[in-house]
Protein backbone atom coordinates (compact mmCIF):
# COMPACT_ATOMS: atom_id res chain seq x y z
CA MET A 1 0.03 0.00 0.00
CA LYS A 2 1.36 3.31 -0.96
CA LEU A 3 2.27 5.95 1.72
CA ARG A 4 -0.57 8.51 1.37
CA CYS A 5 -0.42 10.61 4.54
CA LEU A 6 2.47 13.02 5.31
CA PRO A 7 4.73 12.27 8.04
CA LEU A 8 3.71 13.18 11.68
CA LEU A 9 6.61 15.48 11.91
CA MET A 10 4.77 17.63 9.32
CA VAL A 11 1.61 17.76 11.52
CA LEU A 12 3.72 18.50 14.58
CA ALA A 13 5.54 21.39 12.77
CA GLY A 14 2.14 22.64 11.76
CA ALA A 15 1.08 22.58 15.36
CA VAL A 16 4.15 24.49 16.64
CA THR A 17 3.72 26.96 13.73
CA LEU A 18 0.13 27.59 14.68
CA GLY A 19 0.97 27.79 18.24
CA SER A 20 3.08 30.94 17.51
CA VAL A 21 0.35 32.58 15.70
CA VAL A 22 -2.27 34.58 17.67
CA PRO A 23 -5.66 34.67 16.00
CA THR A 24 -6.78 38.19 15.01
CA THR A 25 -10.30 37.58 16.52
CA ALA A 26 -10.17 37.60 20.32
CA MET A 27 -11.78 34.52 21.93
CA ALA A 28 -13.56 34.88 25.10
CA GLN A 29 -12.71 31.73 27.21
CA SER A 30 -13.59 30.75 30.86
CA ALA A 31 -10.94 29.83 33.40
CA GLU A 32 -11.80 26.04 33.06
CA ALA A 33 -11.12 26.30 29.29
CA ARG A 34 -7.77 28.02 29.87
CA ARG A 35 -6.89 25.38 32.32
CA PHE A 36 -7.56 22.55 29.71
CA MET A 37 -5.61 24.54 27.06
CA ASP A 38 -2.57 24.91 29.53
CA ASN A 39 -2.80 21.18 30.43
CA ILE A 40 -2.83 20.26 26.60
CA LYS A 41 0.33 22.26 25.96
CA ASN A 42 2.29 21.13 29.06
CA LEU A 43 1.48 17.42 28.38
CA SER A 44 2.16 17.71 24.74
CA GLU A 45 5.69 18.91 25.52
CA LYS A 46 6.24 15.66 27.68
CA ASN A 47 4.68 13.52 24.81
CA ALA A 48 1.83 12.50 27.18
CA TRP A 49 -0.84 12.13 24.46
CA THR A 50 -3.36 10.08 26.48
CA GLY A 51 -3.33 13.13 28.77
CA VAL A 52 -3.65 15.53 26.06
CA GLU A 53 -6.65 13.49 24.57
CA ARG A 54 -8.43 13.48 28.01
CA ASN A 55 -8.18 17.25 28.44
CA TYR A 56 -8.92 17.91 24.70
CA ASP A 57 -12.10 15.92 25.17
CA GLY A 58 -12.91 17.92 28.27
CA LEU A 59 -12.26 21.15 26.40
CA LEU A 60 -14.77 20.19 23.73
CA GLU A 61 -17.40 19.44 26.20
CA LEU A 62 -17.32 22.99 27.40
CA GLY A 63 -18.59 24.29 24.05
CA GLU A 64 -16.33 27.30 23.80
CA PRO A 65 -14.22 28.64 20.91
CA ILE A 66 -10.90 26.75 20.78
CA PRO A 67 -7.77 28.19 18.91
CA ALA A 68 -6.33 26.32 16.08
CA ASN A 69 -3.14 25.18 17.64
CA ILE A 70 -5.03 23.55 20.47
CA HIS A 71 -7.03 21.60 17.77
CA MET A 72 -3.67 20.66 16.15
CA LEU A 73 -2.36 19.28 19.30
CA GLY A 74 -5.62 17.25 19.80
CA ALA A 75 -5.20 16.02 16.15
CA LEU A 76 -1.68 14.84 17.03
CA ALA A 77 -2.76 13.09 20.25
CA ALA A 78 -5.45 11.23 18.02
CA SER A 79 -2.81 10.16 15.57
CA THR A 80 -0.47 8.77 17.92
CA GLN A 81 -3.14 6.60 19.25
CA GLY A 82 -4.41 5.48 15.85
CA LYS A 83 -7.76 7.33 15.96
CA ALA A 84 -7.90 8.17 12.28
CA LEU A 85 -11.47 9.61 12.17
CA GLU A 86 -10.67 11.95 15.29
CA TRP A 87 -7.32 12.98 13.64
CA LEU A 88 -9.25 14.00 10.57
CA GLU A 89 -12.01 15.89 12.45
CA ARG A 90 -9.64 17.87 14.57
CA LEU A 91 -7.42 18.91 11.54
CA GLU A 92 -10.65 20.20 9.92
CA ARG A 93 -11.66 22.16 13.01
CA ALA A 94 -8.15 23.62 13.19
CA GLN A 95 -8.46 24.46 9.39
CA ALA A 96 -11.95 26.07 10.17
CA ALA A 97 -10.35 28.10 13.03
CA GLU A 98 -7.60 29.36 11.04
CA ALA A 99 -6.76 28.41 7.27
CA ASN A 100 -3.22 26.76 6.71
CA PRO A 101 -2.05 25.28 3.53
CA GLU A 102 -0.08 22.46 5.31
CA VAL A 103 -3.16 21.45 7.38
CA GLU A 104 -5.24 21.32 4.21
CA GLN A 105 -2.75 19.15 2.62
CA ASN A 106 -2.83 16.68 5.50
CA ILE A 107 -6.67 16.61 5.36
CA THR A 108 -6.50 15.71 1.72
CA SER A 109 -4.12 12.98 2.26
CA ILE A 110 -5.97 11.48 5.01
CA LYS A 111 -9.26 11.43 2.94
CA ALA A 112 -7.33 9.85 0.07
CA GLY A 113 -5.78 7.17 1.97
CA TYR A 114 -8.61 6.17 4.49
CA GLY A 115 -12.15 5.01 4.34
CA ARG A 116 -14.97 5.23 6.67
CA VAL A 117 -16.22 2.09 8.39
CA ARG A 118 -19.00 1.34 10.89
CA ILE A 119 -19.34 -2.18 12.28
CA LYS A 120 -22.11 -3.05 14.77
CA GLY A 121 -21.84 -5.91 17.28
CA LYS A 122 -22.34 -6.64 20.99
CA PRO A 123 -20.17 -5.82 23.76
CA ALA A 124 -19.92 -9.28 25.00
CA TRP A 125 -18.59 -10.56 21.64
CA HIS A 126 -14.96 -10.57 20.90
CA PRO A 127 -14.54 -10.69 17.04
CA LYS A 128 -11.20 -10.31 15.49
CA LEU A 129 -10.30 -7.92 12.64
CA SER A 130 -7.54 -8.75 10.09
CA ILE A 131 -6.10 -6.86 7.13
CA GLN A 132 -4.81 -8.65 4.13
CA MET A 133 -1.76 -6.45 3.89
CA MET A 134 -0.54 -4.39 6.67
CA PRO A 135 0.43 -0.96 5.59
CA PHE A 136 4.06 0.37 6.17
CA ALA A 137 3.28 3.92 7.05
CA PRO A 138 3.38 4.25 10.98
CA ASP A 139 0.18 6.35 11.29
CA GLN A 140 -1.83 3.80 9.14
CA ARG A 141 -0.28 0.84 11.05
CA ARG A 142 -1.42 2.48 14.42
CA SER A 143 -4.90 3.10 13.05
CA VAL A 144 -5.32 -0.63 12.06
CA GLU A 145 -3.96 -1.86 15.42
CA TYR A 146 -6.41 0.64 17.23
CA ALA A 147 -9.33 -0.66 15.36
CA GLN A 148 -8.27 -4.31 15.87
CA GLY A 149 -8.17 -3.60 19.61
CA HIS A 150 -11.27 -1.67 19.77
CA PHE A 151 -13.10 -4.19 17.59
CA GLU A 152 -12.21 -7.19 19.84
CA GLY A 153 -12.81 -5.40 23.09
CA SER A 154 -16.26 -3.64 22.32
CA GLY A 155 -17.62 -5.96 19.45
CA GLY A 156 -17.98 -3.01 17.12
CA PHE A 157 -16.15 -0.29 15.43
CA VAL A 158 -16.84 3.28 14.15
CA GLY A 159 -14.00 5.12 12.47
CA MET A 160 -11.45 5.27 9.58
CA LEU A 161 -9.20 2.68 8.28
CA PRO A 162 -6.67 2.72 5.57
CA ALA A 163 -7.62 1.51 2.25
CA GLY A 164 -7.33 -2.09 1.88
CA LYS A 165 -8.95 -5.52 2.24
CA TYR A 166 -10.23 -6.65 5.71
CA CYS A 167 -11.92 -9.68 7.23
CA PHE A 168 -13.72 -10.67 10.46
CA GLY A 169 -15.21 -14.08 10.81
CA THR A 170 -16.99 -15.06 7.62
CA GLN A 171 -17.19 -11.46 6.30
CA VAL A 172 -14.71 -9.84 3.99
CA PHE A 173 -14.82 -6.22 2.95
CA ASP A 174 -12.92 -3.49 1.08
CA VAL A 175 -12.19 -0.16 2.31
CA ALA A 176 -11.43 2.60 -0.35
CA GLY A 177 -9.91 5.87 0.15
CA GLY A 178 -11.38 9.28 -1.47
CA THR A 179 -15.04 8.78 -0.46
CA GLU A 180 -17.30 9.99 2.16
CA ASP A 181 -19.42 6.90 1.99
CA TRP A 182 -19.46 4.52 5.04
CA VAL A 183 -18.94 0.82 4.83
CA GLU A 184 -21.79 -0.62 6.78
CA LEU A 185 -21.42 -4.08 8.40
CA LYS A 186 -22.94 -6.12 11.44
CA VAL A 187 -21.36 -8.88 13.37
CA SER A 188 -23.25 -12.04 13.71
CA GLY A 189 -22.77 -15.22 15.80
CA LYS A 190 -20.67 -16.63 12.95
CA ASP A 191 -18.14 -13.93 13.03
CA LEU A 192 -16.60 -14.48 16.42
CA GLY A 193 -13.00 -15.32 16.68
CA ASP A 194 -10.48 -15.15 13.78
CA CYS A 195 -11.10 -14.37 10.10
CA ALA A 196 -12.26 -17.65 8.18
CA GLY A 197 -10.66 -16.56 4.90
CA TRP A 198 -10.67 -13.81 2.18
CA GLY A 199 -13.55 -15.35 0.08
CA ASP A 200 -11.34 -17.08 -2.46
CA GLY A 201 -10.85 -20.25 -0.32
CA SER A 202 -7.70 -19.05 1.18
CA ALA A 203 -6.96 -18.63 4.87
CA PRO A 204 -5.74 -15.30 6.19
CA PRO A 205 -1.92 -15.15 6.23
CA ALA A 206 -0.58 -15.50 9.76
CA GLY A 207 -0.80 -11.98 11.30
CA GLY A 208 -3.21 -10.76 8.51
CA GLY A 209 -0.14 -9.55 6.40
CA ASP A 210 1.82 -8.67 9.68
CA SER A 211 3.42 -11.13 12.06
CA ASP A 212 1.73 -10.04 15.21
CA ALA A 213 -1.70 -8.99 13.91
CA VAL A 214 -3.95 -12.28 13.79
CA ALA A 215 -3.47 -15.95 13.71
CA ASP A 216 -4.74 -18.12 10.92
CA GLY A 217 -7.97 -19.70 11.52
CA GLY A 218 -7.05 -23.31 10.78
CA ASP A 219 -9.21 -25.17 13.29
CA LYS A 220 -12.27 -24.91 10.91
CA PRO A 221 -13.00 -27.77 8.30
CA PRO A 222 -12.27 -26.71 4.66
CA LYS A 223 -14.75 -24.88 3.02
CA GLY A 224 -17.64 -27.09 1.73
CA GLU A 225 -16.67 -30.08 4.11
CA LYS A 226 -18.66 -31.10 7.14
CA PRO A 227 -17.11 -32.57 10.46
CA PRO A 228 -17.60 -36.33 10.82
CA LYS A 229 -21.17 -37.38 11.99
CA GLY A 230 -21.62 -37.07 15.68
CA GLU A 231 -18.75 -34.56 16.02
CA LYS A 232 -18.91 -30.86 16.31
CA PRO A 233 -16.52 -28.36 14.88
CA PRO A 234 -14.06 -26.95 17.54
CA ARG A 235 -15.30 -23.69 19.12
CA PRO A 236 -13.10 -20.81 17.21
CA GLU A 237 -10.39 -19.45 19.59
CA GLY A 238 -11.44 -16.04 20.97
CA ALA A 239 -15.29 -16.82 20.60
CA ASP A 240 -17.63 -15.24 23.20
CA THR A 241 -16.98 -16.39 26.76
CA GLY A 242 -19.80 -14.03 28.15
CA VAL A 243 -17.27 -12.38 30.32
CA LEU A 244 -16.52 -8.72 29.44
CA TYR A 245 -14.32 -7.95 32.63
CA ALA A 246 -13.47 -9.26 36.00
CA GLY A 247 -11.72 -7.87 39.02
CA PRO A 248 -11.48 -7.23 42.72
CA ILE A 249 -13.68 -5.04 45.00
CA PHE A 250 -12.38 -3.56 48.10
CA THR A 251 -13.82 -0.72 50.03
CA LEU A 252 -13.24 0.91 53.37
CA GLY A 253 -15.05 3.62 55.31
CA GLY A 254 -17.32 4.69 58.29
CA SER A 255 -20.25 2.92 59.48
CA PHE A 256 -23.55 3.31 61.48
CA LEU A 257 -25.08 0.16 62.94
CA SER A 258 -28.24 0.23 64.94
CA SER A 259 -30.88 -2.19 66.30
CA GLY A 260 -34.22 -1.46 67.82
CA ALA A 261 -35.70 -3.11 70.80
CA PRO A 262 -36.49 -6.96 70.27
CA ALA A 263 -39.88 -8.39 69.59
CA CYS A 264 -39.29 -11.25 72.30
CA ARG A 265 -41.93 -13.85 72.89
CA ASP A 266 -41.65 -16.24 75.92
CA GLU A 267 -41.63 -19.27 73.68
CA ASP A 268 -38.57 -17.98 71.62
CA ALA A 269 -36.64 -16.96 74.77
CA LYS A 270 -34.33 -20.10 75.17
CA THR A 271 -33.62 -20.36 71.61
CA THR A 272 -32.85 -16.91 70.50
CA GLU A 273 -29.60 -15.65 72.10
CA PHE A 274 -30.17 -11.79 71.54
CA CYS A 275 -33.43 -12.29 73.39
CA ALA A 276 -32.48 -14.68 76.39
CA VAL A 277 -35.13 -13.66 78.92
CA GLY A 278 -36.55 -17.02 79.86
CA PRO A 279 -40.01 -18.46 79.56
CA ASN A 280 -43.12 -16.88 81.26
CA VAL A 281 -41.17 -14.17 82.71
CA ASP A 282 -42.62 -11.23 84.79
CA TYR A 283 -40.77 -8.31 83.03
CA GLN A 284 -41.29 -6.43 86.33
CA ASN A 285 -39.02 -8.95 88.20
CA VAL A 286 -36.55 -10.58 85.68
CA PRO A 287 -34.04 -12.74 87.64
CA ASP A 288 -30.41 -12.09 86.96
CA GLU A 289 -29.75 -15.42 85.17
CA TYR A 290 -32.09 -14.31 82.38
CA THR A 291 -30.53 -10.90 81.75
CA ILE A 292 -27.85 -12.14 79.21
CA ALA A 293 -28.75 -10.61 76.01
CA ALA A 294 -31.85 -8.45 76.04
CA PRO A 295 -30.87 -4.79 75.59
CA ASP A 296 -33.01 -2.16 74.45
CA ASP A 297 -32.13 0.02 71.52
CA ILE A 298 -28.45 -0.54 70.28
CA GLY A 299 -26.65 2.08 68.09
CA GLY A 300 -23.44 3.69 67.24
CA ALA A 301 -20.64 4.28 64.76
CA GLY A 302 -17.62 2.13 63.47
CA ILE A 303 -15.85 1.04 60.44
CA ALA A 304 -17.15 -0.73 57.27
CA ILE A 305 -15.14 -2.98 55.08
CA THR A 306 -16.07 -4.87 51.83
CA ALA A 307 -13.82 -7.28 50.06
CA GLY A 308 -14.78 -9.55 47.00
CA GLY A 309 -14.83 -9.79 43.23
CA GLU A 310 -17.05 -8.63 40.13
CA VAL A 311 -17.49 -10.23 36.86
CA GLY A 312 -19.06 -8.14 34.11
CA LEU A 313 -21.45 -10.07 31.67
CA SER A 314 -21.98 -6.74 29.66
CA TYR A 315 -21.29 -2.95 29.77
CA ALA A 316 -24.46 -2.63 31.97
CA PHE A 317 -24.62 -5.77 34.15
CA GLY A 318 -22.44 -7.94 36.22
CA VAL A 319 -22.36 -10.23 39.21
CA GLY A 320 -20.30 -10.47 42.18
CA ALA A 321 -19.90 -11.67 45.80
CA ALA A 322 -18.16 -10.25 48.85
CA LEU A 323 -17.46 -10.60 52.47
CA THR A 324 -18.50 -7.45 54.58
CA TYR A 325 -17.83 -6.03 57.98
CA ASN A 326 -19.57 -3.43 59.96
CA GLY A 327 -18.61 -2.53 63.52
CA LEU A 328 -20.06 -0.57 66.28
CA TYR A 329 -17.74 0.60 69.13
CA GLY A 330 -18.39 2.38 72.43
CA ASN A 331 -20.75 1.57 75.30
CA ASP A 332 -22.03 -1.22 73.24
CA SER A 333 -19.75 -3.14 70.86
CA VAL A 334 -21.11 -5.10 68.09
CA ASN A 335 -19.25 -7.06 65.06
CA ASP A 336 -21.51 -7.83 62.04
CA PHE A 337 -19.85 -10.26 59.43
CA ASP A 338 -21.73 -11.34 56.37
CA GLY A 339 -21.49 -12.71 52.89
CA TRP A 340 -23.14 -10.79 50.02
CA MET A 341 -24.35 -12.02 46.63
CA MET A 342 -24.87 -9.23 44.34
CA GLY A 343 -26.04 -8.06 40.92
CA VAL A 344 -24.06 -4.91 39.72
CA PHE A 345 -25.68 -2.27 37.34
CA ARG A 346 -23.47 0.30 35.74
CA THR A 347 -23.94 3.21 33.37
CA LYS A 348 -21.41 5.67 32.00
CA VAL A 349 -21.98 9.18 33.16
CA GLY A 350 -19.23 11.74 32.38
CA PRO A 351 -15.75 10.32 33.00
CA GLY A 352 -16.75 7.33 35.05
CA ASP A 353 -19.66 4.91 35.88
CA ILE A 354 -22.50 5.09 38.23
CA ARG A 355 -22.36 1.80 39.92
CA ILE A 356 -25.36 0.15 41.86
CA ALA A 357 -24.82 -3.28 43.48
CA ALA A 358 -27.76 -4.99 45.36
CA GLY A 359 -28.65 -8.53 46.73
CA PRO A 360 -29.10 -10.95 49.53
CA THR A 361 -26.83 -11.09 52.48
CA TYR A 362 -26.58 -13.56 55.33
CA GLY A 363 -24.20 -13.45 58.25
CA PHE A 364 -23.30 -13.55 62.02
CA ILE A 365 -23.58 -10.77 64.61
CA SER A 366 -22.02 -10.72 68.01
CA GLY A 367 -21.79 -8.05 70.71
CA THR A 368 -21.49 -7.03 74.17
CA GLY A 369 -22.55 -3.90 76.13
CA GLN A 370 -24.47 -2.42 79.07
CA GLY A 371 -27.60 -0.56 79.24
CA ILE A 372 -31.42 -0.76 79.99
CA PRO A 373 -32.98 -4.05 79.34
CA PHE A 374 -35.83 -4.03 76.80
CA TRP A 375 -38.55 -5.10 79.31
CA VAL A 376 -37.91 -2.12 81.70
CA ARG A 377 -39.32 0.30 79.15
CA GLN A 378 -42.02 -2.16 78.22
CA GLY A 379 -43.09 -2.57 82.01
CA GLN A 380 -42.29 0.82 83.58
CA THR A 381 -43.38 4.47 82.90
CA GLN A 382 -40.83 6.16 85.09
CA GLU A 383 -38.44 8.50 83.25
CA GLN A 384 -35.39 7.79 85.34
CA TYR A 385 -34.30 4.15 85.89
CA ASP A 386 -32.47 2.93 89.01
CA ASN A 387 -28.87 1.62 88.70
CA ARG A 388 -30.22 -2.04 89.37
CA ASP A 389 -32.08 -1.70 86.00
CA ILE A 390 -28.67 -1.53 84.12
CA ILE A 391 -27.64 -4.85 82.72
CA VAL A 392 -24.39 -5.98 81.17
CA TRP A 393 -25.38 -8.13 78.12
CA GLU A 394 -23.59 -10.41 75.67
CA GLY A 395 -25.16 -12.25 72.72
CA SER A 396 -24.85 -13.45 69.07
CA ALA A 397 -27.17 -14.37 66.34
CA PHE A 398 -27.35 -15.31 62.72
CA ALA A 399 -29.23 -12.89 60.53
CA ALA A 400 -30.40 -12.64 56.98
CA GLY A 401 -31.60 -9.69 54.67
CA ALA A 402 -30.52 -7.61 51.87
CA ARG A 403 -27.77 -5.12 51.12
CA LEU A 404 -27.51 -2.18 48.71
CA SER A 405 -24.68 0.17 47.62
CA ALA A 406 -24.57 3.15 45.08
CA GLY A 407 -21.54 5.08 44.04
CA TYR A 408 -19.51 6.61 41.35
CA ALA A 409 -16.56 5.07 39.88
CA PHE A 410 -14.34 7.67 38.17
CA LEU A 411 -10.64 7.51 39.16
CA ASP A 412 -8.69 5.50 36.32
CA LEU A 413 -6.28 3.01 37.84
CA ASN A 414 -5.58 0.97 34.71
CA SER A 415 -7.85 -2.15 34.94
CA LEU A 416 -9.50 -0.80 38.13
CA GLN A 417 -11.55 2.34 39.16
CA GLY A 418 -11.48 4.26 42.26
CA VAL A 419 -15.05 4.55 43.79
CA VAL A 420 -17.04 6.47 46.28
CA GLU A 421 -20.18 5.10 47.49
CA LEU A 422 -22.89 4.96 50.09
CA GLY A 423 -24.39 1.69 51.14
CA GLY A 424 -26.38 -0.07 53.76
CA SER A 425 -28.30 -3.11 54.75
CA VAL A 426 -31.36 -4.44 56.55
CA LYS A 427 -31.29 -7.89 58.33
CA THR A 428 -33.31 -9.79 60.92
CA ASP A 429 -32.33 -12.67 63.22
CA ASN A 430 -36.15 -13.35 63.69
CA THR A 431 -36.16 -11.36 67.11
CA ARG A 432 -34.54 -8.05 66.35
CA GLY A 433 -33.85 -6.02 63.14
CA TRP A 434 -30.34 -4.75 62.35
CA ILE A 435 -29.73 -1.87 60.08
CA THR A 436 -26.42 -0.57 58.72
CA ALA A 437 -25.39 2.48 56.80
CA ALA A 438 -21.77 3.41 55.51
CA ALA A 439 -19.95 5.72 53.40
CA ARG A 440 -17.05 4.09 51.60
CA ILE A 441 -14.08 4.65 49.33
CA GLY A 442 -12.21 2.05 47.37
CA ILE A 443 -11.60 0.18 44.01
CA VAL A 444 -13.79 -1.79 41.66
CA PRO A 445 -13.18 -3.22 38.24
CA LYS A 446 -13.03 -1.11 35.30
CA VAL A 447 -15.38 -1.60 32.42
CA PRO A 448 -13.26 -1.72 29.31
CA ARG A 449 -15.27 0.92 27.38
CA TYR A 450 -14.11 2.15 24.08
CA GLU A 451 -14.68 5.72 22.62
CA GLY A 452 -18.00 5.71 21.01
CA ASP A 453 -19.61 2.99 23.35
């Protein structure tokens, strides 16, 4: 394939040239816009193009006028990452802001050497894209590699590819340069895994024309042949596993735990440890041996810890399991341990995800403390209680219920995201109810979203 795009050095030179020119028309810009532009300039000097990309996207969201040199730096950031469509669009914005012959020449070269492609698929699918002949030009190679990674990760692709012949699964298609038309395709269940061939009976070369692009899909029977009776063809490598992402969950924060007065019945007394008051008891005259675990209201603050894992089945839904701990410390001390099975719902908002997790929980609660026994308040109307009414209690119980957390995961930590969340649970041990509420920070798996998803 011929080299049709000008070297990146020319683009960089254009950016530097434009950077020295002050537009004749003054632009009214907010402090936030100036901050983004300063970040873009500083990061570009360090070749931190991912950071340039992030700040450029933030600047666009403000909807304010942007000078040509900033558009040029955004175009260079897109080019270094292989985002050919974004590269072209940002060069066109730079040219619209301030005409420059070199920029116009780059725009013409990109349009001549690339074509527009839109492939629809499902996020849980992982098809593989191969090209018959990998181009030599570095910018074109990057655009093919970016498309391959995006396509396999998200199941679809919207962007520009260098002119050439491409294949995924059973579908072969041509991309032509010099046209504004889109190549429209859709991934089906037959297109998962490697390319099956180029439509002429031949398998794709190892690497799709490049030694590390794709493998040849040699596991399938030759075209026109069926596997022996009773046997199924092997599942293509890279076919859908149903898992989009997986990773750990860990959060830490402050907790509030409370329990109201128990609903004790005499017939439950000997079998429910947190309500050990004995059978047929006169609450006005409770013997000491029955004052083990029958406090009135319990409440206080402590710490909350969650540790577990999450598996994503799609961009919007996942499942997980975790062990949780909520503590109460002070006059009363309570330790609440439980296991939590959760469904996880995620949706992208701004730079991160809103994350909601909910599901059943079951665990063990133990505690000690001192205070008014619950039967005193049931049996007496006096506002002040004698010292003899204070008991030292101790007890434990198993409790079941439901737990919910809602938070925002926004801090990028490679395959993880930092999250802030609020959560709580409601449980019962058949005698008293237990309520927890917590504010936590921590880490959760990152959904591998791609631009346009």
